[in-house]
């Protein structure tokens, strides 16, 4: 474990009250423990954010590099309609 470094911080009165309440109710043994827990939570949040951003960037990159044709909703509807008509006419021909 790394050697501890003593720091002096300034917090708002509301934050100081919250820290004291956590120590007073026995959740933590000292103000330092409260601050360390908060910093660990902050670090986890930052790591999760970085992972989400990396995932988003990867999806955007994959989308940009996608070689499939870029079609509008209307073009897709038209293609599906034509396919449905082709299958419908084939079914009619085979029934006759």
PDB file of N, CA and C in Angstrom:
ATOM      1  N   UNK A   1       0.849  -1.185   0.000  1.00  0.00           N
ATOM      2  CA  UNK A   1       0.000   0.000   0.000  1.00  0.00           C
ATOM      3  C   UNK A   1       0.889   1.240   0.000  1.00  0.00           C
ATOM      4  N   UNK A   2       0.477   2.221  -0.754  1.00  0.00           N
ATOM      5  CA  UNK A   2       1.254   3.461  -0.829  1.00  0.00           C
ATOM      6  C   UNK A   2       1.219   4.200   0.499  1.00  0.00           C
ATOM      7  N   UNK A   3       2.263   4.983   0.723  1.00  0.00           N
ATOM      8  CA  UNK A   3       2.285   5.819   1.923  1.00  0.00           C
ATOM      9  C   UNK A   3       1.227   6.904   1.766  1.00  0.00           C
ATOM     10  N   UNK A   4       0.560   7.212   2.849  1.00  0.00           N
ATOM     11  CA  UNK A   4      -0.486   8.235   2.816  1.00  0.00           C
ATOM     12  C   UNK A   4       0.145   9.615   2.724  1.00  0.00           C
ATOM     13  N   UNK A   5      -0.549  10.484   2.025  1.00  0.00           N
ATOM     14  CA  UNK A   5      -0.116  11.877   1.916  1.00  0.00           C
ATOM     15  C   UNK A   5      -1.197  12.739   2.530  1.00  0.00           C
ATOM     16  N   UNK A   6      -0.791  13.606   3.399  1.00  0.00           N
ATOM     17  CA  UNK A   6      -1.752  14.467   4.080  1.00  0.00           C
ATOM     18  C   UNK A   6      -2.055  15.669   3.193  1.00  0.00           C
ATOM     19  N   UNK A   7      -3.356  15.925   3.009  1.00  0.00           N
ATOM     20  CA  UNK A   7      -3.812  17.065   2.216  1.00  0.00           C
ATOM     21  C   UNK A   7      -4.776  17.887   3.049  1.00  0.00           C
ATOM     22  N   UNK A   8      -4.878  19.128   2.705  1.00  0.00           N
ATOM     23  CA  UNK A   8      -5.875  19.989   3.318  1.00  0.00           C
ATOM     24  C   UNK A   8      -6.882  20.344   2.246  1.00  0.00           C
ATOM     25  N   UNK A   9      -8.163  20.126   2.531  1.00  0.00           N
ATOM     26  CA  UNK A   9      -9.190  20.426   1.527  1.00  0.00           C
ATOM     27  C   UNK A   9     -10.214  21.378   2.127  1.00  0.00           C
ATOM     28  N   UNK A  10     -10.924  22.043   1.255  1.00  0.00           N
ATOM     29  CA  UNK A  10     -12.006  22.932   1.667  1.00  0.00           C
ATOM     30  C   UNK A  10     -13.292  22.402   1.051  1.00  0.00           C
ATOM     31  N   UNK A  11     -14.321  22.250   1.879  1.00  0.00           N
ATOM     32  CA  UNK A  11     -15.616  21.772   1.400  1.00  0.00           C
ATOM     33  C   UNK A  11     -16.691  22.755   1.833  1.00  0.00           C
ATOM     34  N   UNK A  12     -17.839  22.636   1.204  1.00  0.00           N
ATOM     35  CA  UNK A  12     -18.950  23.503   1.580  1.00  0.00           C
ATOM     36  C   UNK A  12     -19.465  23.083   2.957  1.00  0.00           C
ATOM     37  N   UNK A  13     -20.194  23.953   3.631  1.00  0.00           N
ATOM     38  CA  UNK A  13     -20.765  23.574   4.926  1.00  0.00           C
ATOM     39  C   UNK A  13     -21.658  22.335   4.835  1.00  0.00           C
ATOM     40  N   UNK A  14     -22.408  22.214   3.746  1.00  0.00           N
ATOM     41  CA  UNK A  14     -23.271  21.048   3.585  1.00  0.00           C
ATOM     42  C   UNK A  14     -22.441  19.773   3.462  1.00  0.00           C
ATOM     43  N   UNK A  15     -21.351  19.837   2.741  1.00  0.00           N
ATOM     44  CA  UNK A  15     -20.479  18.665   2.610  1.00  0.00           C
ATOM     45  C   UNK A  15     -19.840  18.313   3.945  1.00  0.00           C
ATOM     46  N   UNK A  16     -19.389  19.331   4.661  1.00  0.00           N
ATOM     47  CA  UNK A  16     -18.779  19.090   5.980  1.00  0.00           C
ATOM     48  C   UNK A  16     -19.793  18.446   6.917  1.00  0.00           C
ATOM     49  N   UNK A  17     -21.026  18.901   6.866  1.00  0.00           N
ATOM     50  CA  UNK A  17     -22.091  18.337   7.707  1.00  0.00           C
ATOM     51  C   UNK A  17     -22.320  16.867   7.343  1.00  0.00           C
ATOM     52  N   UNK A  18     -22.347  16.587   6.051  1.00  0.00           N
ATOM     53  CA  UNK A  18     -22.552  15.215   5.598  1.00  0.00           C
ATOM     54  C   UNK A  18     -21.404  14.319   6.073  1.00  0.00           C
ATOM     55  N   UNK A  19     -20.196  14.808   5.981  1.00  0.00           N
ATOM     56  CA  UNK A  19     -19.035  14.028   6.434  1.00  0.00           C
ATOM     57  C   UNK A  19     -19.149  13.750   7.931  1.00  0.00           C
ATOM     58  N   UNK A  20     -19.446  14.787   8.698  1.00  0.00           N
ATOM     59  CA  UNK A  20     -19.574  14.607  10.157  1.00  0.00           C
ATOM     60  C   UNK A  20     -20.695  13.627  10.493  1.00  0.00           C
ATOM     61  N   UNK A  21     -21.818  13.720   9.790  1.00  0.00           N
ATOM     62  CA  UNK A  21     -22.943  12.812  10.044  1.00  0.00           C
ATOM     63  C   UNK A  21     -22.547  11.366   9.799  1.00  0.00           C
ATOM     64  N   UNK A  22     -21.783  11.120   8.739  1.00  0.00           N
ATOM     65  CA  UNK A  22     -21.340   9.751   8.421  1.00  0.00           C
ATOM     66  C   UNK A  22     -20.400   9.214   9.489  1.00  0.00           C
ATOM     67  N   UNK A  23     -19.565  10.078  10.006  1.00  0.00           N
ATOM     68  CA  UNK A  23     -18.652   9.654  11.081  1.00  0.00           C
ATOM     69  C   UNK A  23     -19.452   9.448  12.368  1.00  0.00           C
ATOM     70  N   UNK A  24     -20.335  10.390  12.682  1.00  0.00           N
ATOM     71  CA  UNK A  24     -21.127  10.311  13.919  1.00  0.00           C
ATOM     72  C   UNK A  24     -22.045   9.091  13.947  1.00  0.00           C
ATOM     73  N   UNK A  25     -22.601   8.710  12.781  1.00  0.00           N
ATOM     74  CA  UNK A  25     -23.514   7.553  12.792  1.00  0.00           C
ATOM     75  C   UNK A  25     -22.769   6.221  12.701  1.00  0.00           C
ATOM     76  N   UNK A  26     -21.443   6.282  12.653  1.00  0.00           N
ATOM     77  CA  UNK A  26     -20.641   5.060  12.670  1.00  0.00           C
ATOM     78  C   UNK A  26     -20.386   4.448  11.310  1.00  0.00           C
ATOM     79  N   UNK A  27     -20.864   5.089  10.260  1.00  0.00           N
ATOM     80  CA  UNK A  27     -20.631   4.553   8.916  1.00  0.00           C
ATOM     81  C   UNK A  27     -19.147   4.548   8.560  1.00  0.00           C
ATOM     82  N   UNK A  28     -18.439   5.542   9.069  1.00  0.00           N
ATOM     83  CA  UNK A  28     -17.012   5.674   8.820  1.00  0.00           C
ATOM     84  C   UNK A  28     -16.320   6.037  10.131  1.00  0.00           C
ATOM     85  N   UNK A  29     -15.030   5.695  10.213  1.00  0.00           N
ATOM     86  CA  UNK A  29     -14.277   5.975  11.433  1.00  0.00           C
ATOM     87  C   UNK A  29     -13.715   7.380  11.494  1.00  0.00           C
ATOM     88  N   UNK A  30     -13.597   8.026  10.342  1.00  0.00           N
ATOM     89  CA  UNK A  30     -13.018   9.374  10.322  1.00  0.00           C
ATOM     90  C   UNK A  30     -13.448  10.104   9.057  1.00  0.00           C
ATOM     91  N   UNK A  31     -13.212  11.406   9.064  1.00  0.00           N
ATOM     92  CA  UNK A  31     -13.514  12.216   7.877  1.00  0.00           C
ATOM     93  C   UNK A  31     -12.657  11.745   6.694  1.00  0.00           C
ATOM     94  N   UNK A  32     -11.431  11.343   6.990  1.00  0.00           N
ATOM     95  CA  UNK A  32     -10.545  10.866   5.928  1.00  0.00           C
ATOM     96  C   UNK A  32     -11.125   9.634   5.237  1.00  0.00           C
ATOM     97  N   UNK A  33     -11.730   8.737   6.018  1.00  0.00           N
ATOM     98  CA  UNK A  33     -12.344   7.545   5.423  1.00  0.00           C
ATOM     99  C   UNK A  33     -13.503   7.923   4.502  1.00  0.00           C
ATOM    100  N   UNK A  34     -14.287   8.913   4.909  1.00  0.00           N
ATOM    101  CA  UNK A  34     -15.405   9.368   4.073  1.00  0.00           C
ATOM    102  C   UNK A  34     -14.869   9.908   2.755  1.00  0.00           C
ATOM    103  N   UNK A  35     -13.861  10.735   2.826  1.00  0.00           N
ATOM    104  CA  UNK A  35     -13.276  11.339   1.622  1.00  0.00           C
ATOM    105  C   UNK A  35     -12.663  10.266   0.729  1.00  0.00           C
ATOM    106  N   UNK A  36     -11.952   9.304   1.317  1.00  0.00           N
ATOM    107  CA  UNK A  36     -11.355   8.228   0.510  1.00  0.00           C
ATOM    108  C   UNK A  36     -12.445   7.415  -0.196  1.00  0.00           C
ATOM    109  N   UNK A  37     -13.535   7.118   0.518  1.00  0.00           N
ATOM    110  CA  UNK A  37     -14.646   6.374  -0.102  1.00  0.00           C
ATOM    111  C   UNK A  37     -15.240   7.179  -1.254  1.00  0.00           C
ATOM    112  N   UNK A  38     -15.394   8.469  -1.050  1.00  0.00           N
ATOM    113  CA  UNK A  38     -15.942   9.326  -2.108  1.00  0.00           C
ATOM    114  C   UNK A  38     -15.006   9.356  -3.315  1.00  0.00           C
ATOM    115  N   UNK A  39     -13.719   9.401  -3.069  1.00  0.00           N
ATOM    116  CA  UNK A  39     -12.759   9.418  -4.173  1.00  0.00           C
ATOM    117  C   UNK A  39     -12.738   8.081  -4.913  1.00  0.00           C
ATOM    118  N   UNK A  40     -12.891   6.974  -4.190  1.00  0.00           N
ATOM    119  CA  UNK A  40     -12.965   5.668  -4.866  1.00  0.00           C
ATOM    120  C   UNK A  40     -14.217   5.598  -5.746  1.00  0.00           C
ATOM    121  N   UNK A  41     -15.332   6.108  -5.235  1.00  0.00           N
ATOM    122  CA  UNK A  41     -16.574   6.122  -6.025  1.00  0.00           C
ATOM    123  C   UNK A  41     -16.391   7.006  -7.265  1.00  0.00           C
ATOM    124  N   UNK A  42     -15.742   8.142  -7.088  1.00  0.00           N
ATOM    125  CA  UNK A  42     -15.481   9.041  -8.204  1.00  0.00           C
ATOM    126  C   UNK A  42     -14.592   8.355  -9.245  1.00  0.00           C
ATOM    127  N   UNK A  43     -13.583   7.640  -8.779  1.00  0.00           N
ATOM    128  CA  UNK A  43     -12.682   6.936  -9.690  1.00  0.00           C
ATOM    129  C   UNK A  43     -13.431   5.866 -10.479  1.00  0.00           C
ATOM    130  N   UNK A  44     -14.302   5.102  -9.808  1.00  0.00           N
ATOM    131  CA  UNK A  44     -15.105   4.092 -10.499  1.00  0.00           C
ATOM    132  C   UNK A  44     -15.994   4.746 -11.556  1.00  0.00           C
ATOM    133  N   UNK A  45     -16.619   5.857 -11.179  1.00  0.00           N
ATOM    134  CA  UNK A  45     -17.491   6.577 -12.109  1.00  0.00           C
ATOM    135  C   UNK A  45     -16.709   7.044 -13.338  1.00  0.00           C
ATOM    136  N   UNK A  46     -15.519   7.556 -13.118  1.00  0.00           N
ATOM    137  CA  UNK A  46     -14.678   8.021 -14.230  1.00  0.00           C
ATOM    138  C   UNK A  46     -14.284   6.850 -15.132  1.00  0.00           C
ATOM    139  N   UNK A  47     -13.946   5.710 -14.542  1.00  0.00           N
ATOM    140  CA  UNK A  47     -13.573   4.540 -15.332  1.00  0.00           C
ATOM    141  C   UNK A  47     -14.767   4.031 -16.141  1.00  0.00           C
ATOM    142  N   UNK A  48     -15.939   3.987 -15.529  1.00  0.00           N
ATOM    143  CA  UNK A  48     -17.142   3.550 -16.238  1.00  0.00           C
ATOM    144  C   UNK A  48     -17.470   4.499 -17.381  1.00  0.00           C
ATOM    145  N   UNK A  49     -17.307   5.791 -17.135  1.00  0.00           N
ATOM    146  CA  UNK A  49     -17.554   6.786 -18.187  1.00  0.00           C
ATOM    147  C   UNK A  49     -16.581   6.568 -19.344  1.00  0.00           C
ATOM    148  N   UNK A  50     -15.310   6.333 -19.027  1.00  0.00           N
ATOM    149  CA  UNK A  50     -14.312   6.108 -20.074  1.00  0.00           C
ATOM    150  C   UNK A  50     -14.661   4.854 -20.880  1.00  0.00           C
ATOM    151  N   UNK A  51     -15.129   3.797 -20.201  1.00  0.00           N
ATOM    152  CA  UNK A  51     -15.524   2.577 -20.904  1.00  0.00           C
ATOM    153  C   UNK A  51     -16.727   2.828 -21.814  1.00  0.00           C
ATOM    154  N   UNK A  52     -17.719   3.586 -21.312  1.00  0.00           N
ATOM    155  CA  UNK A  52     -18.882   3.906 -22.145  1.00  0.00           C
ATOM    156  C   UNK A  52     -18.471   4.707 -23.370  1.00  0.00           C
ATOM    157  N   UNK A  53     -17.593   5.681 -23.180  1.00  0.00           N
ATOM    158  CA  UNK A  53     -17.141   6.505 -24.305  1.00  0.00           C
ATOM    159  C   UNK A  53     -16.371   5.662 -25.317  1.00  0.00           C
ATOM    160  N   UNK A  54     -15.532   4.740 -24.853  1.00  0.00           N
ATOM    161  CA  UNK A  54     -14.785   3.867 -25.761  1.00  0.00           C
ATOM    162  C   UNK A  54     -15.751   2.999 -26.557  1.00  0.00           C
ATOM    163  N   UNK A  55     -16.788   2.502 -25.901  1.00  0.00           N
ATOM    164  CA  UNK A  55     -17.790   1.675 -26.581  1.00  0.00           C
ATOM    165  C   UNK A  55     -18.532   2.482 -27.634  1.00  0.00           C
ATOM    166  N   UNK A  56     -18.917   3.695 -27.286  1.00  0.00           N
ATOM    167  CA  UNK A  56     -19.614   4.571 -28.238  1.00  0.00           C
ATOM    168  C   UNK A  56     -18.714   4.876 -29.426  1.00  0.00           C
ATOM    169  N   UNK A  57     -17.451   5.201 -29.147  1.00  0.00           N
ATOM    170  CA  UNK A  57     -16.518   5.506 -30.240  1.00  0.00           C
ATOM    171  C   UNK A  57     -16.343   4.306 -31.163  1.00  0.00           C
ATOM    172  N   UNK A  58     -16.268   3.112 -30.578  1.00  0.00           N
ATOM    173  CA  UNK A  58     -16.113   1.903 -31.391  1.00  0.00           C
ATOM    174  C   UNK A  58     -17.344   1.684 -32.273  1.00  0.00           C
ATOM    175  N   UNK A  59     -18.537   1.907 -31.718  1.00  0.00           N
ATOM    176  CA  UNK A  59     -19.757   1.734 -32.511  1.00  0.00           C
ATOM    177  C   UNK A  59     -19.840   2.775 -33.626  1.00  0.00           C
ATOM    178  N   UNK A  60     -19.457   4.011 -33.328  1.00  0.00           N
ATOM    179  CA  UNK A  60     -19.468   5.063 -34.352  1.00  0.00           C
ATOM    180  C   UNK A  60     -18.474   4.714 -35.454  1.00  0.00           C
ATOM    181  N   UNK A  61     -17.269   4.271 -35.059  1.00  0.00           N
ATOM    182  CA  UNK A  61     -16.253   3.898 -36.045  1.00  0.00           C
ATOM    183  C   UNK A  61     -16.755   2.753 -36.917  1.00  0.00           C
ATOM    184  N   UNK A  62     -17.355   1.749 -36.300  1.00  0.00           N
ATOM    185  CA  UNK A  62     -17.885   0.613 -37.066  1.00  0.00           C
ATOM    186  C   UNK A  62     -18.974   1.073 -38.019  1.00  0.00           C
ATOM    187  N   UNK A  63     -19.791   1.994 -37.579  1.00  0.00           N
ATOM    188  CA  UNK A  63     -20.862   2.507 -38.430  1.00  0.00           C
ATOM    189  C   UNK A  63     -20.294   3.283 -39.613  1.00  0.00           C
ATOM    190  N   UNK A  64     -19.288   4.092 -39.346  1.00  0.00           N
ATOM    191  CA  UNK A  64     -18.664   4.876 -40.422  1.00  0.00           C
ATOM    192  C   UNK A  64     -17.991   3.953 -41.436  1.00  0.00           C
ATOM    193  N   UNK A  65     -17.366   2.889 -40.941  1.00  0.00           N
ATOM    194  CA  UNK A  65     -16.648   1.970 -41.814  1.00  0.00           C
ATOM    195  C   UNK A  65     -17.552   0.924 -42.463  1.00  0.00           C
ATOM    196  N   UNK A  66     -18.818   0.921 -42.126  1.00  0.00           N
ATOM    197  CA  UNK A  66     -19.774  -0.044 -42.679  1.00  0.00           C
ATOM    198  C   UNK A  66     -19.908   0.187 -44.183  1.00  0.00           C
ATOM    199  N   UNK A  67     -19.691  -0.872 -44.950  1.00  0.00           N
ATOM    200  CA  UNK A  67     -19.720  -0.734 -46.414  1.00  0.00           C
ATOM    201  C   UNK A  67     -21.099  -1.001 -47.011  1.00  0.00           C
ATOM    202  N   UNK A  68     -22.050  -1.353 -46.179  1.00  0.00           N
ATOM    203  CA  UNK A  68     -23.390  -1.571 -46.717  1.00  0.00           C
ATOM    204  C   UNK A  68     -23.945  -0.258 -47.264  1.00  0.00           C
ATOM    205  N   UNK A  69     -24.832  -0.344 -48.251  1.00  0.00           N
ATOM    206  CA  UNK A  69     -25.376   0.894 -48.840  1.00  0.00           C
ATOM    207  C   UNK A  69     -26.161   1.701 -47.810  1.00  0.00           C
ATOM    208  N   UNK A  70     -26.063   2.989 -47.937  1.00  0.00           N
ATOM    209  CA  UNK A  70     -26.773   3.896 -47.048  1.00  0.00           C
ATOM    210  C   UNK A  70     -28.113   4.232 -47.698  1.00  0.00           C
ATOM    211  N   UNK A  71     -29.191   3.669 -47.164  1.00  0.00           N
ATOM    212  CA  UNK A  71     -30.515   3.869 -47.752  1.00  0.00           C
ATOM    213  C   UNK A  71     -31.407   4.640 -46.793  1.00  0.00           C
ATOM    214  N   UNK A  72     -32.279   5.444 -47.370  1.00  0.00           N
ATOM    215  CA  UNK A  72     -33.255   6.165 -46.556  1.00  0.00           C
ATOM    216  C   UNK A  72     -34.384   5.221 -46.186  1.00  0.00           C
ATOM    217  N   UNK A  73     -35.186   5.605 -45.236  1.00  0.00           N
ATOM    218  CA  UNK A  73     -36.344   4.813 -44.842  1.00  0.00           C
ATOM    219  C   UNK A  73     -37.283   4.586 -46.018  1.00  0.00           C
ATOM    220  N   UNK A  74     -37.445   5.607 -46.831  1.00  0.00           N
ATOM    221  CA  UNK A  74     -38.339   5.499 -47.992  1.00  0.00           C
ATOM    222  C   UNK A  74     -37.789   4.492 -49.000  1.00  0.00           C
ATOM    223  N   UNK A  75     -36.484   4.524 -49.232  1.00  0.00           N
ATOM    224  CA  UNK A  75     -35.875   3.571 -50.162  1.00  0.00           C
ATOM    225  C   UNK A  75     -36.026   2.142 -49.643  1.00  0.00           C
ATOM    226  N   UNK A  76     -35.875   1.957 -48.369  1.00  0.00           N
ATOM    227  CA  UNK A  76     -36.031   0.621 -47.771  1.00  0.00           C
ATOM    228  C   UNK A  76     -37.468   0.146 -47.928  1.00  0.00           C
ATOM    229  N   UNK A  77     -38.434   1.039 -47.630  1.00  0.00           N
ATOM    230  CA  UNK A  77     -39.847   0.676 -47.795  1.00  0.00           C
ATOM    231  C   UNK A  77     -40.141   0.272 -49.238  1.00  0.00           C
ATOM    232  N   UNK A  78     -39.596   1.047 -50.196  1.00  0.00           N
ATOM    233  CA  UNK A  78     -39.824   0.733 -51.614  1.00  0.00           C
ATOM    234  C   UNK A  78     -39.252  -0.635 -51.974  1.00  0.00           C
ATOM    235  N   UNK A  79     -38.052  -0.937 -51.499  1.00  0.00           N
ATOM    236  CA  UNK A  79     -37.434  -2.234 -51.791  1.00  0.00           C
ATOM    237  C   UNK A  79     -38.236  -3.375 -51.174  1.00  0.00           C
ATOM    238  N   UNK A  80     -38.675  -3.186 -49.935  1.00  0.00           N
ATOM    239  CA  UNK A  80     -39.470  -4.226 -49.282  1.00  0.00           C
ATOM    240  C   UNK A  80     -40.807  -4.430 -49.990  1.00  0.00           C
ATOM    241  N   UNK A  81     -41.395  -3.340 -50.428  1.00  0.00           N
ATOM    242  CA  UNK A  81     -42.674  -3.428 -51.143  1.00  0.00           C
ATOM    243  C   UNK A  81     -42.498  -4.216 -52.442  1.00  0.00           C
ATOM    244  N   UNK A  82     -41.420  -3.944 -53.189  1.00  0.00           N
ATOM    245  CA  UNK A  82     -41.149  -4.659 -54.434  1.00  0.00           C
ATOM    246  C   UNK A  82     -40.905  -6.138 -54.167  1.00  0.00           C
ATOM    247  N   UNK A  83     -40.144  -6.433 -53.110  1.00  0.00           N
ATOM    248  CA  UNK A  83     -39.901  -7.832 -52.761  1.00  0.00           C
ATOM    249  C   UNK A  83     -41.202  -8.543 -52.417  1.00  0.00           C
ATOM    250  N   UNK A  84     -42.048  -7.876 -51.647  1.00  0.00           N
ATOM    251  CA  UNK A  84     -43.335  -8.466 -51.265  1.00  0.00           C
ATOM    252  C   UNK A  84     -44.179  -8.713 -52.512  1.00  0.00           C
ATOM    253  N   UNK A  85     -44.160  -7.786 -53.452  1.00  0.00           N
ATOM    254  CA  UNK A  85     -44.918  -7.966 -54.697  1.00  0.00           C
ATOM    255  C   UNK A  85     -44.370  -9.137 -55.508  1.00  0.00           C
ATOM    256  N   UNK A  86     -43.031  -9.275 -55.549  1.00  0.00           N
ATOM    257  CA  UNK A  86     -42.426 -10.385 -56.284  1.00  0.00           C
ATOM    258  C   UNK A  86     -42.837 -11.718 -55.672  1.00  0.00           C
ATOM    259  N   UNK A  87     -42.781 -11.829 -54.361  1.00  0.00           N
ATOM    260  CA  UNK A  87     -43.151 -13.076 -53.698  1.00  0.00           C
ATOM    261  C   UNK A  87     -44.637 -13.350 -53.847  1.00  0.00           C
ATOM    262  N   UNK A  88     -45.414 -12.294 -53.810  1.00  0.00           N
ATOM    263  CA  UNK A  88     -46.862 -12.441 -53.963  1.00  0.00           C
ATOM    264  C   UNK A  88     -47.198 -12.947 -55.355  1.00  0.00           C
ATOM    265  N   UNK A  89     -46.550 -12.399 -56.386  1.00  0.00           N
ATOM    266  CA  UNK A  89     -46.831 -12.832 -57.759  1.00  0.00           C
ATOM    267  C   UNK A  89     -46.317 -14.244 -57.999  1.00  0.00           C
ATOM    268  N   UNK A  90     -45.230 -14.665 -57.377  1.00  0.00           N
ATOM    269  CA  UNK A  90     -44.711 -16.015 -57.502  1.00  0.00           C
ATOM    270  C   UNK A  90     -45.698 -17.005 -56.862  1.00  0.00           C
ATOM    271  N   UNK A  91     -46.245 -16.608 -55.719  1.00  0.00           N
ATOM    272  CA  UNK A  91     -47.207 -17.473 -55.045  1.00  0.00           C
ATOM    273  C   UNK A  91     -48.467 -17.627 -55.897  1.00  0.00           C
ATOM    274  N   UNK A  92     -48.876 -16.532 -56.549  1.00  0.00           N
ATOM    275  CA  UNK A  92     -50.065 -16.592 -57.418  1.00  0.00           C
ATOM    276  C   UNK A  92     -49.791 -17.494 -58.634  1.00  0.00           C
ATOM    277  N   UNK A  93     -48.569 -17.381 -59.207  1.00  0.00           N
ATOM    278  CA  UNK A  93     -48.210 -18.202 -60.385  1.00  0.00           C
ATOM    279  C   UNK A  93     -48.164 -19.687 -60.040  1.00  0.00           C
ATOM    280  N   UNK A  94     -47.650 -20.022 -58.884  1.00  0.00           N
ATOM    281  CA  UNK A  94     -47.541 -21.431 -58.510  1.00  0.00           C
ATOM    282  C   UNK A  94     -48.876 -22.018 -58.127  1.00  0.00           C
ATOM    283  N   UNK A  95     -49.813 -21.183 -57.717  1.00  0.00           N
ATOM    284  CA  UNK A  95     -51.142 -21.654 -57.335  1.00  0.00           C
ATOM    285  C   UNK A  95     -51.988 -21.941 -58.574  1.00  0.00           C
ATOM    286  N   UNK A  96     -51.643 -21.320 -59.690  1.00  0.00           N
ATOM    287  CA  UNK A  96     -52.455 -21.461 -60.904  1.00  0.00           C
ATOM    288  C   UNK A  96     -52.188 -22.715 -61.667  1.00  0.00           C
TER     289      UNK A  96
END
